[in-house]
Amino acid sequence: MDTPVDDDTTLMLAYAKGELAAFDTLYARHRGTLYRFLLRSARDPRVAEELFQETWSRVVAARARYTPQARFSTWLLQIAHNLLIDSYRRNRPTSHTEDATQWLEQLPSPEHEQPERVLSDFERRRRLQLAIESLPEEQRTAVLLRLENDLSVEEIAQVTGVGRETAKSRLRYAMNRLREQLAE
């Protein structure tokens, strides 16, 4: 497998050599994506914040051992996913559809739009979020990695530690389930 070399990889390698500004750039570039992934996956802002901090701590701790075998964002999300799995094992979560509703209600509404359209957009977002929340954990993770982080099937497989066909299958089942639920 060819080692992907991109700007993030170059920055991480520079950080490993002691360039602190490189880490600042990586952090600024990926903090939003990472936090959204953790929040949508953990469904608890406190847990998401804790895992967010721990993920970056692991990046800092691993800087000297970093070898670019995948895109930096894939490696970062793999660390976060592994921490999520550990958290699930410790805390065995339950479904919190009320939390999703509260989170969606906090999203800013577009200004200067017709109230009917704003409500319609809100309802679509709410239905999608609730449909995603209702997916089994493995399917939900695959969907979030695909839709929010734009990862390929291969990258989803790498992040979640499963084979390509398993990742593809989880994604396919999840998308079919979402289509069915949103069609109702």
N, C-alpha and C. Protein backbone atom coordinates (compact mmCIF):
# COMPACT_ATOMS: atom_id res chain seq x y z
N MET A 1 0.86 -1.20 0.00
CA MET A 1 0.00 0.00 0.00
C MET A 1 0.89 1.24 0.00
N ASP A 2 0.62 2.15 -0.90
CA ASP A 2 1.37 3.39 -0.93
C ASP A 2 0.98 4.25 0.26
N THR A 3 1.96 4.92 0.83
CA THR A 3 1.71 5.78 1.95
C THR A 3 1.18 7.11 1.44
N PRO A 4 -0.04 7.49 1.87
CA PRO A 4 -0.55 8.77 1.41
C PRO A 4 0.21 9.92 2.07
N VAL A 5 0.69 10.83 1.27
CA VAL A 5 1.37 12.00 1.80
C VAL A 5 0.55 13.21 1.39
N ASP A 6 0.03 13.90 2.38
CA ASP A 6 -0.72 15.11 2.11
C ASP A 6 -0.26 16.17 3.10
N ASP A 7 -0.90 17.30 3.05
CA ASP A 7 -0.50 18.40 3.92
C ASP A 7 -0.60 18.03 5.40
N ASP A 8 -1.66 17.31 5.78
CA ASP A 8 -1.81 16.90 7.17
C ASP A 8 -0.70 15.95 7.60
N THR A 9 -0.34 15.03 6.73
CA THR A 9 0.75 14.10 7.04
C THR A 9 2.05 14.87 7.25
N THR A 10 2.31 15.79 6.36
CA THR A 10 3.51 16.62 6.47
C THR A 10 3.51 17.39 7.79
N LEU A 11 2.34 17.93 8.15
CA LEU A 11 2.24 18.67 9.41
C LEU A 11 2.49 17.76 10.61
N MET A 12 1.91 16.55 10.59
CA MET A 12 2.10 15.63 11.71
C MET A 12 3.56 15.21 11.83
N LEU A 13 4.21 14.96 10.72
CA LEU A 13 5.63 14.60 10.75
C LEU A 13 6.47 15.78 11.26
N ALA A 14 6.09 16.99 10.88
CA ALA A 14 6.79 18.18 11.39
C ALA A 14 6.58 18.32 12.89
N TYR A 15 5.35 18.06 13.34
CA TYR A 15 5.06 18.12 14.77
C TYR A 15 5.89 17.07 15.53
N ALA A 16 6.03 15.88 14.95
CA ALA A 16 6.83 14.83 15.58
C ALA A 16 8.28 15.27 15.75
N LYS A 17 8.74 16.18 14.87
CA LYS A 17 10.11 16.68 14.96
C LYS A 17 10.21 17.91 15.85
N GLY A 18 9.10 18.32 16.46
CA GLY A 18 9.15 19.41 17.42
C GLY A 18 8.54 20.72 16.98
N GLU A 19 7.96 20.79 15.81
CA GLU A 19 7.33 22.03 15.35
C GLU A 19 5.93 22.15 15.94
N LEU A 20 5.81 22.91 17.02
CA LEU A 20 4.53 23.03 17.71
C LEU A 20 3.46 23.73 16.88
N ALA A 21 3.86 24.62 16.00
CA ALA A 21 2.89 25.32 15.16
C ALA A 21 2.18 24.34 14.23
N ALA A 22 2.84 23.26 13.87
CA ALA A 22 2.23 22.25 13.01
C ALA A 22 1.04 21.60 13.72
N PHE A 23 1.20 21.34 15.02
CA PHE A 23 0.09 20.77 15.78
C PHE A 23 -1.07 21.76 15.85
N ASP A 24 -0.76 23.02 16.08
CA ASP A 24 -1.81 24.04 16.14
C ASP A 24 -2.63 24.05 14.85
N THR A 25 -1.98 23.91 13.71
CA THR A 25 -2.67 23.89 12.42
C THR A 25 -3.55 22.65 12.31
N LEU A 26 -2.99 21.49 12.68
CA LEU A 26 -3.77 20.24 12.63
C LEU A 26 -5.00 20.34 13.53
N TYR A 27 -4.80 20.86 14.72
CA TYR A 27 -5.89 20.98 15.69
C TYR A 27 -6.99 21.90 15.13
N ALA A 28 -6.58 23.04 14.62
CA ALA A 28 -7.55 23.99 14.07
C ALA A 28 -8.30 23.38 12.89
N ARG A 29 -7.62 22.60 12.09
CA ARG A 29 -8.21 22.01 10.90
C ARG A 29 -9.21 20.89 11.23
N HIS A 30 -8.96 20.12 12.27
CA HIS A 30 -9.74 18.90 12.52
C HIS A 30 -10.59 18.92 13.79
N ARG A 31 -10.50 19.95 14.59
CA ARG A 31 -11.23 19.93 15.86
C ARG A 31 -12.74 19.87 15.67
N GLY A 32 -13.28 20.64 14.72
CA GLY A 32 -14.73 20.66 14.50
C GLY A 32 -15.25 19.31 14.02
N THR A 33 -14.58 18.75 13.04
CA THR A 33 -14.98 17.45 12.50
C THR A 33 -14.92 16.38 13.58
N LEU A 34 -13.83 16.37 14.33
CA LEU A 34 -13.66 15.36 15.38
C LEU A 34 -14.74 15.52 16.45
N TYR A 35 -14.98 16.74 16.90
CA TYR A 35 -15.97 16.94 17.96
C TYR A 35 -17.37 16.54 17.49
N ARG A 36 -17.73 16.92 16.27
CA ARG A 36 -19.05 16.55 15.74
C ARG A 36 -19.21 15.03 15.67
N PHE A 37 -18.17 14.35 15.20
CA PHE A 37 -18.22 12.89 15.14
C PHE A 37 -18.43 12.30 16.54
N LEU A 38 -17.68 12.79 17.51
CA LEU A 38 -17.80 12.26 18.87
C LEU A 38 -19.15 12.61 19.49
N LEU A 39 -19.63 13.81 19.27
CA LEU A 39 -20.92 14.21 19.83
C LEU A 39 -22.06 13.40 19.23
N ARG A 40 -22.05 13.23 17.93
CA ARG A 40 -23.13 12.47 17.28
C ARG A 40 -23.04 10.99 17.61
N SER A 41 -21.84 10.49 17.84
CA SER A 41 -21.67 9.07 18.17
C SER A 41 -21.97 8.79 19.63
N ALA A 42 -21.44 9.62 20.52
CA ALA A 42 -21.61 9.40 21.96
C ALA A 42 -22.98 9.87 22.44
N ARG A 43 -23.54 10.88 21.78
CA ARG A 43 -24.85 11.44 22.11
C ARG A 43 -24.92 12.04 23.52
N ASP A 44 -23.77 12.44 24.03
CA ASP A 44 -23.71 13.08 25.33
C ASP A 44 -22.56 14.09 25.28
N PRO A 45 -22.86 15.38 25.40
CA PRO A 45 -21.80 16.40 25.29
C PRO A 45 -20.65 16.20 26.28
N ARG A 46 -20.96 15.75 27.48
CA ARG A 46 -19.88 15.53 28.46
C ARG A 46 -18.95 14.41 28.03
N VAL A 47 -19.52 13.33 27.55
CA VAL A 47 -18.71 12.20 27.07
C VAL A 47 -17.93 12.63 25.83
N ALA A 48 -18.58 13.34 24.93
CA ALA A 48 -17.92 13.80 23.70
C ALA A 48 -16.73 14.68 24.04
N GLU A 49 -16.90 15.58 24.97
CA GLU A 49 -15.80 16.48 25.37
C GLU A 49 -14.64 15.69 25.98
N GLU A 50 -14.97 14.74 26.82
CA GLU A 50 -13.93 13.91 27.44
C GLU A 50 -13.17 13.11 26.38
N LEU A 51 -13.90 12.51 25.46
CA LEU A 51 -13.25 11.72 24.41
C LEU A 51 -12.48 12.61 23.43
N PHE A 52 -12.98 13.81 23.20
CA PHE A 52 -12.29 14.78 22.35
C PHE A 52 -10.91 15.10 22.94
N GLN A 53 -10.90 15.41 24.23
CA GLN A 53 -9.62 15.72 24.90
C GLN A 53 -8.69 14.51 24.88
N GLU A 54 -9.23 13.34 25.15
CA GLU A 54 -8.42 12.13 25.19
C GLU A 54 -7.86 11.80 23.81
N THR A 55 -8.64 12.02 22.76
CA THR A 55 -8.15 11.77 21.40
C THR A 55 -6.94 12.64 21.11
N TRP A 56 -7.04 13.93 21.41
CA TRP A 56 -5.90 14.82 21.15
C TRP A 56 -4.72 14.48 22.04
N SER A 57 -5.00 14.03 23.26
CA SER A 57 -3.90 13.59 24.14
C SER A 57 -3.17 12.40 23.53
N ARG A 58 -3.94 11.49 22.93
CA ARG A 58 -3.31 10.32 22.29
C ARG A 58 -2.50 10.74 21.06
N VAL A 59 -2.98 11.73 20.32
CA VAL A 59 -2.23 12.23 19.17
C VAL A 59 -0.89 12.80 19.65
N VAL A 60 -0.93 13.60 20.71
CA VAL A 60 0.29 14.18 21.26
C VAL A 60 1.24 13.08 21.72
N ALA A 61 0.70 12.10 22.44
CA ALA A 61 1.54 11.03 22.97
C ALA A 61 2.13 10.16 21.86
N ALA A 62 1.44 10.04 20.73
CA ALA A 62 1.89 9.16 19.65
C ALA A 62 2.72 9.88 18.60
N ARG A 63 2.98 11.14 18.78
CA ARG A 63 3.63 11.92 17.72
C ARG A 63 4.98 11.33 17.31
N ALA A 64 5.76 10.82 18.24
CA ALA A 64 7.08 10.28 17.89
C ALA A 64 6.96 8.94 17.16
N ARG A 65 5.86 8.23 17.38
CA ARG A 65 5.67 6.92 16.75
C ARG A 65 4.82 7.00 15.48
N TYR A 66 4.34 8.17 15.14
CA TYR A 66 3.44 8.34 13.99
C TYR A 66 4.11 7.91 12.70
N THR A 67 3.42 7.03 11.98
CA THR A 67 3.85 6.66 10.64
C THR A 67 2.63 6.80 9.72
N PRO A 68 2.75 7.53 8.64
CA PRO A 68 1.60 7.79 7.77
C PRO A 68 1.20 6.56 6.95
N GLN A 69 0.29 5.76 7.49
CA GLN A 69 -0.22 4.60 6.78
C GLN A 69 -1.60 4.88 6.18
N ALA A 70 -2.18 5.99 6.56
CA ALA A 70 -3.48 6.43 6.06
C ALA A 70 -3.51 7.95 6.16
N ARG A 71 -4.59 8.54 5.66
CA ARG A 71 -4.72 9.99 5.83
C ARG A 71 -4.74 10.30 7.33
N PHE A 72 -4.24 11.47 7.68
CA PHE A 72 -4.23 11.88 9.08
C PHE A 72 -5.63 11.85 9.67
N SER A 73 -6.62 12.34 8.91
CA SER A 73 -7.99 12.38 9.42
C SER A 73 -8.52 10.97 9.71
N THR A 74 -8.14 10.00 8.90
CA THR A 74 -8.55 8.62 9.13
C THR A 74 -7.92 8.10 10.42
N TRP A 75 -6.63 8.37 10.59
CA TRP A 75 -5.92 7.95 11.81
C TRP A 75 -6.54 8.60 13.04
N LEU A 76 -6.84 9.88 12.95
CA LEU A 76 -7.45 10.62 14.06
C LEU A 76 -8.81 10.02 14.42
N LEU A 77 -9.65 9.77 13.42
CA LEU A 77 -10.97 9.20 13.67
C LEU A 77 -10.88 7.77 14.18
N GLN A 78 -9.84 7.05 13.80
CA GLN A 78 -9.64 5.69 14.31
C GLN A 78 -9.35 5.74 15.80
N ILE A 79 -8.53 6.67 16.22
CA ILE A 79 -8.25 6.84 17.65
C ILE A 79 -9.55 7.17 18.38
N ALA A 80 -10.31 8.12 17.84
CA ALA A 80 -11.58 8.52 18.47
C ALA A 80 -12.56 7.35 18.53
N HIS A 81 -12.65 6.59 17.45
CA HIS A 81 -13.56 5.44 17.41
C HIS A 81 -13.18 4.41 18.47
N ASN A 82 -11.89 4.12 18.59
CA ASN A 82 -11.45 3.16 19.60
C ASN A 82 -11.78 3.65 21.02
N LEU A 83 -11.62 4.93 21.26
CA LEU A 83 -11.98 5.49 22.56
C LEU A 83 -13.49 5.41 22.79
N LEU A 84 -14.28 5.62 21.74
CA LEU A 84 -15.74 5.48 21.83
C LEU A 84 -16.13 4.06 22.22
N ILE A 85 -15.50 3.09 21.57
CA ILE A 85 -15.79 1.68 21.87
C ILE A 85 -15.46 1.39 23.33
N ASP A 86 -14.32 1.87 23.79
CA ASP A 86 -13.96 1.67 25.20
C ASP A 86 -14.99 2.32 26.12
N SER A 87 -15.44 3.51 25.74
CA SER A 87 -16.45 4.21 26.55
C SER A 87 -17.76 3.44 26.57
N TYR A 88 -18.19 2.92 25.40
CA TYR A 88 -19.41 2.11 25.34
C TYR A 88 -19.30 0.90 26.25
N ARG A 89 -18.16 0.26 26.21
CA ARG A 89 -17.97 -0.93 27.04
C ARG A 89 -18.05 -0.61 28.53
N ARG A 90 -17.53 0.54 28.89
CA ARG A 90 -17.58 0.95 30.30
C ARG A 90 -18.97 1.37 30.74
N ASN A 91 -19.69 2.03 29.84
CA ASN A 91 -20.94 2.69 30.25
C ASN A 91 -22.20 2.12 29.63
N ARG A 92 -22.14 1.16 28.74
CA ARG A 92 -23.31 0.55 28.11
C ARG A 92 -24.46 1.54 27.97
N PRO A 93 -24.42 2.38 26.92
CA PRO A 93 -25.42 3.45 26.78
C PRO A 93 -26.81 2.93 26.44
N THR A 94 -27.77 3.82 26.69
CA THR A 94 -29.15 3.57 26.28
C THR A 94 -29.50 4.61 25.24
N SER A 95 -30.58 4.42 24.55
CA SER A 95 -30.98 5.36 23.51
C SER A 95 -31.54 6.63 24.14
N HIS A 96 -31.11 7.76 23.64
CA HIS A 96 -31.55 9.06 24.17
C HIS A 96 -32.10 9.92 23.04
N THR A 97 -33.27 9.59 22.56
CA THR A 97 -33.82 10.39 21.46
C THR A 97 -34.13 11.80 21.92
N GLU A 98 -34.39 11.98 23.21
CA GLU A 98 -34.65 13.34 23.70
C GLU A 98 -33.40 14.19 23.55
N ASP A 99 -32.21 13.59 23.78
CA ASP A 99 -30.97 14.33 23.62
C ASP A 99 -30.79 14.80 22.18
N ALA A 100 -31.13 13.94 21.22
CA ALA A 100 -31.02 14.31 19.82
C ALA A 100 -31.94 15.47 19.50
N THR A 101 -33.14 15.41 20.04
CA THR A 101 -34.10 16.48 19.81
C THR A 101 -33.58 17.79 20.38
N GLN A 102 -33.04 17.74 21.60
CA GLN A 102 -32.49 18.95 22.21
C GLN A 102 -31.32 19.49 21.39
N TRP A 103 -30.46 18.59 20.92
CA TRP A 103 -29.31 19.01 20.13
C TRP A 103 -29.76 19.68 18.84
N LEU A 104 -30.73 19.08 18.18
CA LEU A 104 -31.23 19.65 16.93
C LEU A 104 -31.93 20.99 17.15
N GLU A 105 -32.60 21.14 18.29
CA GLU A 105 -33.28 22.40 18.57
C GLU A 105 -32.28 23.53 18.76
N GLN A 106 -31.04 23.20 19.13
CA GLN A 106 -30.02 24.22 19.33
C GLN A 106 -29.36 24.66 18.03
N LEU A 107 -29.62 23.94 16.93
CA LEU A 107 -29.03 24.33 15.65
C LEU A 107 -29.60 25.68 15.23
N PRO A 108 -28.75 26.54 14.70
CA PRO A 108 -29.25 27.84 14.26
C PRO A 108 -30.18 27.70 13.06
N SER A 109 -31.26 28.48 13.06
CA SER A 109 -32.17 28.45 11.91
C SER A 109 -31.72 29.51 10.93
N PRO A 110 -31.90 29.23 9.66
CA PRO A 110 -31.56 30.24 8.65
C PRO A 110 -32.47 31.46 8.80
N GLU A 111 -31.84 32.62 8.70
CA GLU A 111 -32.62 33.86 8.82
C GLU A 111 -33.25 34.21 7.48
N HIS A 112 -34.26 35.04 7.52
CA HIS A 112 -34.92 35.58 6.34
C HIS A 112 -35.59 34.50 5.49
N GLU A 113 -36.04 33.45 6.08
CA GLU A 113 -36.75 32.42 5.32
C GLU A 113 -38.18 32.37 5.80
N GLN A 114 -39.02 31.82 4.98
CA GLN A 114 -40.41 31.66 5.35
C GLN A 114 -40.49 30.70 6.54
N PRO A 115 -41.34 30.98 7.53
CA PRO A 115 -41.44 30.11 8.70
C PRO A 115 -41.78 28.66 8.33
N GLU A 116 -42.60 28.48 7.30
CA GLU A 116 -42.96 27.11 6.89
C GLU A 116 -41.74 26.35 6.41
N ARG A 117 -40.87 27.04 5.67
CA ARG A 117 -39.67 26.37 5.15
C ARG A 117 -38.70 26.05 6.28
N VAL A 118 -38.52 26.97 7.22
CA VAL A 118 -37.64 26.73 8.35
C VAL A 118 -38.13 25.51 9.13
N LEU A 119 -39.44 25.46 9.38
CA LEU A 119 -40.01 24.32 10.11
C LEU A 119 -39.81 23.04 9.31
N SER A 120 -40.03 23.11 8.01
CA SER A 120 -39.86 21.94 7.16
C SER A 120 -38.42 21.44 7.20
N ASP A 121 -37.45 22.35 7.07
CA ASP A 121 -36.03 21.97 7.14
C ASP A 121 -35.70 21.38 8.50
N PHE A 122 -36.24 22.01 9.55
CA PHE A 122 -36.00 21.51 10.90
C PHE A 122 -36.56 20.10 11.05
N GLU A 123 -37.76 19.89 10.56
CA GLU A 123 -38.39 18.57 10.66
C GLU A 123 -37.59 17.52 9.91
N ARG A 124 -37.10 17.87 8.73
CA ARG A 124 -36.27 16.92 7.96
C ARG A 124 -35.00 16.58 8.72
N ARG A 125 -34.33 17.60 9.25
CA ARG A 125 -33.10 17.36 10.03
C ARG A 125 -33.40 16.52 11.25
N ARG A 126 -34.51 16.82 11.92
CA ARG A 126 -34.88 16.09 13.13
C ARG A 126 -35.19 14.62 12.80
N ARG A 127 -35.93 14.40 11.73
CA ARG A 127 -36.26 13.03 11.33
C ARG A 127 -35.00 12.25 10.95
N LEU A 128 -34.08 12.90 10.24
CA LEU A 128 -32.84 12.23 9.87
C LEU A 128 -32.02 11.89 11.11
N GLN A 129 -31.90 12.85 12.02
CA GLN A 129 -31.13 12.61 13.26
C GLN A 129 -31.74 11.47 14.05
N LEU A 130 -33.04 11.47 14.20
CA LEU A 130 -33.70 10.38 14.96
C LEU A 130 -33.54 9.04 14.24
N ALA A 131 -33.60 9.06 12.92
CA ALA A 131 -33.40 7.83 12.16
C ALA A 131 -31.98 7.31 12.34
N ILE A 132 -31.01 8.20 12.29
CA ILE A 132 -29.61 7.80 12.51
C ILE A 132 -29.45 7.25 13.92
N GLU A 133 -30.05 7.91 14.90
CA GLU A 133 -29.96 7.44 16.29
C GLU A 133 -30.55 6.06 16.48
N SER A 134 -31.54 5.71 15.67
CA SER A 134 -32.21 4.42 15.85
C SER A 134 -31.42 3.27 15.24
N LEU A 135 -30.38 3.58 14.46
CA LEU A 135 -29.57 2.52 13.84
C LEU A 135 -28.77 1.77 14.89
N PRO A 136 -28.47 0.51 14.63
CA PRO A 136 -27.54 -0.21 15.51
C PRO A 136 -26.20 0.52 15.52
N GLU A 137 -25.47 0.39 16.61
CA GLU A 137 -24.23 1.13 16.83
C GLU A 137 -23.27 1.06 15.64
N GLU A 138 -23.01 -0.14 15.12
CA GLU A 138 -22.04 -0.29 14.03
C GLU A 138 -22.51 0.44 12.76
N GLN A 139 -23.80 0.36 12.48
CA GLN A 139 -24.33 1.03 11.30
C GLN A 139 -24.31 2.55 11.49
N ARG A 140 -24.67 3.00 12.69
CA ARG A 140 -24.67 4.44 12.97
C ARG A 140 -23.26 5.01 12.78
N THR A 141 -22.26 4.30 13.30
CA THR A 141 -20.88 4.76 13.16
C THR A 141 -20.48 4.84 11.69
N ALA A 142 -20.82 3.83 10.92
CA ALA A 142 -20.48 3.82 9.50
C ALA A 142 -21.13 5.00 8.78
N VAL A 143 -22.39 5.26 9.07
CA VAL A 143 -23.11 6.38 8.44
C VAL A 143 -22.49 7.71 8.83
N LEU A 144 -22.19 7.90 10.09
CA LEU A 144 -21.60 9.16 10.53
C LEU A 144 -20.24 9.38 9.90
N LEU A 145 -19.44 8.33 9.81
CA LEU A 145 -18.13 8.47 9.18
C LEU A 145 -18.27 8.81 7.70
N ARG A 146 -19.27 8.27 7.04
CA ARG A 146 -19.48 8.52 5.62
C ARG A 146 -20.09 9.90 5.38
N LEU A 147 -21.19 10.20 6.05
CA LEU A 147 -21.92 11.43 5.78
C LEU A 147 -21.24 12.67 6.34
N GLU A 148 -20.70 12.56 7.54
CA GLU A 148 -20.14 13.76 8.17
C GLU A 148 -18.66 13.92 7.95
N ASN A 149 -17.95 12.82 7.71
CA ASN A 149 -16.50 12.91 7.55
C ASN A 149 -16.04 12.54 6.15
N ASP A 150 -17.00 12.18 5.30
CA ASP A 150 -16.74 11.89 3.89
C ASP A 150 -15.65 10.83 3.71
N LEU A 151 -15.65 9.81 4.57
CA LEU A 151 -14.68 8.75 4.45
C LEU A 151 -15.14 7.72 3.43
N SER A 152 -14.19 7.11 2.75
CA SER A 152 -14.50 6.03 1.80
C SER A 152 -14.80 4.76 2.58
N VAL A 153 -15.29 3.75 1.88
CA VAL A 153 -15.57 2.46 2.53
C VAL A 153 -14.29 1.89 3.13
N GLU A 154 -13.18 2.00 2.39
CA GLU A 154 -11.90 1.50 2.89
C GLU A 154 -11.49 2.22 4.17
N GLU A 155 -11.68 3.53 4.20
CA GLU A 155 -11.31 4.30 5.39
C GLU A 155 -12.24 3.97 6.56
N ILE A 156 -13.51 3.76 6.29
CA ILE A 156 -14.45 3.36 7.35
C ILE A 156 -14.02 2.01 7.92
N ALA A 157 -13.63 1.09 7.04
CA ALA A 157 -13.15 -0.22 7.50
C ALA A 157 -11.92 -0.06 8.38
N GLN A 158 -11.02 0.82 7.99
CA GLN A 158 -9.80 1.03 8.77
C GLN A 158 -10.12 1.65 10.13
N VAL A 159 -10.96 2.68 10.13
CA VAL A 159 -11.31 3.35 11.39
C VAL A 159 -11.99 2.39 12.36
N THR A 160 -12.90 1.57 11.84
CA THR A 160 -13.68 0.69 12.71
C THR A 160 -13.03 -0.66 12.96
N GLY A 161 -11.93 -0.95 12.25
CA GLY A 161 -11.21 -2.18 12.46
C GLY A 161 -11.90 -3.42 11.92
N VAL A 162 -12.63 -3.27 10.83
CA VAL A 162 -13.31 -4.40 10.20
C VAL A 162 -12.86 -4.50 8.75
N GLY A 163 -13.23 -5.58 8.09
CA GLY A 163 -12.91 -5.75 6.68
C GLY A 163 -13.71 -4.81 5.81
N ARG A 164 -13.23 -4.59 4.59
CA ARG A 164 -13.89 -3.69 3.65
C ARG A 164 -15.33 -4.13 3.38
N GLU A 165 -15.54 -5.42 3.16
CA GLU A 165 -16.89 -5.91 2.86
C GLU A 165 -17.84 -5.72 4.04
N THR A 166 -17.34 -5.88 5.25
CA THR A 166 -18.16 -5.66 6.44
C THR A 166 -18.56 -4.19 6.54
N ALA A 167 -17.60 -3.31 6.31
CA ALA A 167 -17.90 -1.87 6.36
C ALA A 167 -18.91 -1.50 5.27
N LYS A 168 -18.72 -2.05 4.08
CA LYS A 168 -19.62 -1.78 2.96
C LYS A 168 -21.03 -2.28 3.29
N SER A 169 -21.11 -3.46 3.86
CA SER A 169 -22.40 -4.05 4.24
C SER A 169 -23.10 -3.21 5.30
N ARG A 170 -22.36 -2.78 6.33
CA ARG A 170 -22.96 -1.95 7.38
C ARG A 170 -23.49 -0.65 6.81
N LEU A 171 -22.72 -0.07 5.92
CA LEU A 171 -23.15 1.18 5.30
C LEU A 171 -24.38 0.97 4.44
N ARG A 172 -24.41 -0.09 3.66
CA ARG A 172 -25.55 -0.39 2.80
C ARG A 172 -26.81 -0.63 3.63
N TYR A 173 -26.70 -1.47 4.68
CA TYR A 173 -27.87 -1.74 5.53
C TYR A 173 -28.35 -0.45 6.21
N ALA A 174 -27.42 0.36 6.66
CA ALA A 174 -27.79 1.61 7.32
C ALA A 174 -28.52 2.54 6.37
N MET A 175 -27.99 2.69 5.16
CA MET A 175 -28.62 3.60 4.20
C MET A 175 -30.00 3.09 3.80
N ASN A 176 -30.14 1.78 3.61
CA ASN A 176 -31.46 1.22 3.30
C ASN A 176 -32.44 1.48 4.44
N ARG A 177 -31.98 1.28 5.65
CA ARG A 177 -32.84 1.51 6.81
C ARG A 177 -33.25 2.98 6.92
N LEU A 178 -32.30 3.87 6.68
CA LEU A 178 -32.62 5.30 6.73
C LEU A 178 -33.64 5.67 5.65
N ARG A 179 -33.45 5.15 4.45
CA ARG A 179 -34.41 5.43 3.37
C ARG A 179 -35.81 4.97 3.76
N GLU A 180 -35.88 3.76 4.33
CA GLU A 180 -37.19 3.22 4.75
C GLU A 180 -37.82 4.11 5.82
N GLN A 181 -37.06 4.48 6.82
CA GLN A 181 -37.60 5.28 7.91
C GLN A 181 -38.01 6.67 7.45
N LEU A 182 -37.24 7.26 6.56
CA LEU A 182 -37.56 8.61 6.10
C LEU A 182 -38.70 8.61 5.08
N ALA A 183 -38.94 7.49 4.45
CA ALA A 183 -40.05 7.39 3.50
C ALA A 183 -41.40 7.27 4.21
N GLU A 184 -41.39 6.84 5.44
CA GLU A 184 -42.64 6.66 6.20
C GLU A 184 -43.33 7.97 6.46
